[in-house]
Amino acid sequence: MVAASRWIKWLLAAAVVIAMASMWLMLKASKAEQAALRARLDAAKQANQTSQATIETLKHDQQYLNRLLVSRAQKNQQDKRQLNEQIDQLEQQMANVECDIPAVVTERLREPY
């Protein structure tokens, strides 16, 4: 019985040593996995910062182009309004003008080429 208890003690000690070794290996694997995940997280953060910078640049470009297009549209409307006013003025001026076309010119226009 003494020999059996001695074997049991050795087996328990071996089991404890094996358990500790396996825990140590699992801890080492966990640390390696944590380092890999941290590297992925850092890469994702860097990609996110780059994307944010791109978004900000595009946002500023969009605002600039918006202002440019609005100012062009306003200038176009103003130019169109001025041209319409000039056309109205010219039509009013031409309404008072009487045009006399000589009969010779009319006959000449009716002749075949």
Protein backbone atom coordinates (compact mmCIF):
# COMPACT_ATOMS: atom_id res chain seq x y z
CA MET A 1 0.00 0.00 0.00
CA VAL A 2 2.89 2.29 0.64
CA ALA A 3 4.08 1.64 -2.90
CA ALA A 4 0.62 2.34 -4.27
CA SER A 5 0.36 5.63 -2.39
CA ARG A 6 3.84 6.53 -3.61
CA TRP A 7 2.75 5.81 -7.24
CA ILE A 8 -0.40 7.84 -6.70
CA LYS A 9 1.66 10.77 -5.36
CA TRP A 10 4.02 10.56 -8.37
CA LEU A 11 1.10 10.34 -10.78
CA LEU A 12 -0.59 13.34 -9.11
CA ALA A 13 2.68 15.30 -9.21
CA ALA A 14 3.13 14.37 -12.88
CA ALA A 15 -0.48 15.39 -13.58
CA VAL A 16 0.10 18.74 -11.87
CA VAL A 17 3.33 19.28 -13.84
CA ILE A 18 1.59 18.31 -17.11
CA ALA A 19 -1.35 20.59 -16.28
CA MET A 20 1.00 23.49 -15.52
CA ALA A 21 2.98 22.86 -18.74
CA SER A 22 -0.21 22.76 -20.81
CA MET A 23 -1.46 25.95 -19.11
CA TRP A 24 1.88 27.62 -19.85
CA LEU A 25 1.64 26.58 -23.52
CA MET A 26 -1.96 27.83 -23.70
CA LEU A 27 -0.90 31.13 -22.12
CA LYS A 28 1.94 31.46 -24.63
CA ALA A 29 -0.46 30.75 -27.53
CA SER A 30 -2.93 33.25 -26.09
CA LYS A 31 -0.23 35.94 -25.90
CA ALA A 32 0.78 35.24 -29.51
CA GLU A 33 -2.85 35.49 -30.60
CA GLN A 34 -3.24 38.71 -28.62
CA ALA A 35 -0.16 40.18 -30.34
CA ALA A 36 -1.53 39.21 -33.76
CA LEU A 37 -4.91 40.75 -32.93
CA ARG A 38 -3.22 43.91 -31.66
CA ALA A 39 -1.30 44.17 -34.95
CA ARG A 40 -4.55 43.76 -36.90
CA LEU A 41 -6.20 46.40 -34.71
CA ASP A 42 -3.33 48.84 -35.31
CA ALA A 43 -3.56 48.22 -39.06
CA ALA A 44 -7.33 48.76 -38.95
CA LYS A 45 -6.87 52.00 -36.98
CA GLN A 46 -4.35 53.23 -39.54
CA ALA A 47 -6.69 52.35 -42.41
CA ASN A 48 -9.53 54.11 -40.58
CA GLN A 49 -7.44 57.26 -40.13
CA THR A 50 -6.53 57.22 -43.81
CA SER A 51 -10.19 56.78 -44.73
CA GLN A 52 -11.20 59.63 -42.43
CA ALA A 53 -8.59 61.91 -44.02
CA THR A 54 -9.87 60.97 -47.47
CA ILE A 55 -13.46 61.62 -46.39
CA GLU A 56 -12.50 65.05 -45.01
CA THR A 57 -10.67 65.93 -48.23
CA LEU A 58 -13.63 64.84 -50.34
CA LYS A 59 -16.01 66.75 -48.07
CA HIS A 60 -14.01 69.96 -48.51
CA ASP A 61 -13.79 69.39 -52.27
CA GLN A 62 -17.55 68.84 -52.42
CA GLN A 63 -18.23 72.04 -50.50
CA TYR A 64 -15.90 73.99 -52.81
CA LEU A 65 -17.52 72.54 -55.92
CA ASN A 66 -20.98 73.23 -54.48
CA ARG A 67 -20.11 76.88 -53.90
CA LEU A 68 -18.58 77.09 -57.38
CA LEU A 69 -21.64 75.56 -59.06
CA VAL A 70 -24.03 77.78 -57.11
CA SER A 71 -22.08 80.91 -58.02
CA ARG A 72 -21.97 79.82 -61.67
CA ALA A 73 -25.72 79.19 -61.68
CA GLN A 74 -26.36 82.60 -60.11
CA LYS A 75 -24.07 84.30 -62.65
CA ASN A 76 -25.79 82.41 -65.47
CA GLN A 77 -29.21 83.57 -64.25
CA GLN A 78 -27.97 87.14 -63.93
CA ASP A 79 -26.46 87.06 -67.44
CA LYS A 80 -29.67 85.58 -68.83
CA ARG A 81 -31.73 88.27 -67.11
CA GLN A 82 -29.48 91.01 -68.52
CA LEU A 83 -29.66 89.52 -72.02
CA ASN A 84 -33.46 89.33 -71.82
CA GLU A 85 -33.56 92.98 -70.73
CA GLN A 86 -31.31 93.96 -73.64
CA ILE A 87 -33.50 91.98 -76.06
CA ASP A 88 -36.60 93.72 -74.70
CA GLN A 89 -34.93 97.12 -75.10
CA LEU A 90 -33.86 96.36 -78.66
CA GLU A 91 -37.35 95.09 -79.55
CA GLN A 92 -38.85 98.30 -78.16
CA GLN A 93 -36.39 100.38 -80.16
CA MET A 94 -37.11 98.40 -83.32
CA ALA A 95 -40.88 98.71 -82.82
CA ASN A 96 -40.64 102.42 -83.57
CA VAL A 97 -38.45 101.95 -86.63
CA GLU A 98 -40.21 101.67 -89.96
CA CYS A 99 -38.37 99.79 -92.62
CA ASP A 100 -38.87 100.68 -96.28
CA ILE A 101 -37.72 97.98 -98.65
CA PRO A 102 -37.50 99.26 -102.24
CA ALA A 103 -39.53 97.35 -104.81
CA VAL A 104 -36.37 96.72 -106.87
CA VAL A 105 -34.85 94.74 -104.04
CA THR A 106 -38.01 92.68 -103.60
CA GLU A 107 -38.14 91.90 -107.32
CA ARG A 108 -34.50 90.96 -107.37
CA LEU A 109 -34.99 88.55 -104.47
CA ARG A 110 -37.82 86.84 -106.35
CA GLU A 111 -35.67 86.18 -109.41
CA PRO A 112 -34.28 82.66 -109.84
CA TYR A 113 -30.61 82.18 -109.23
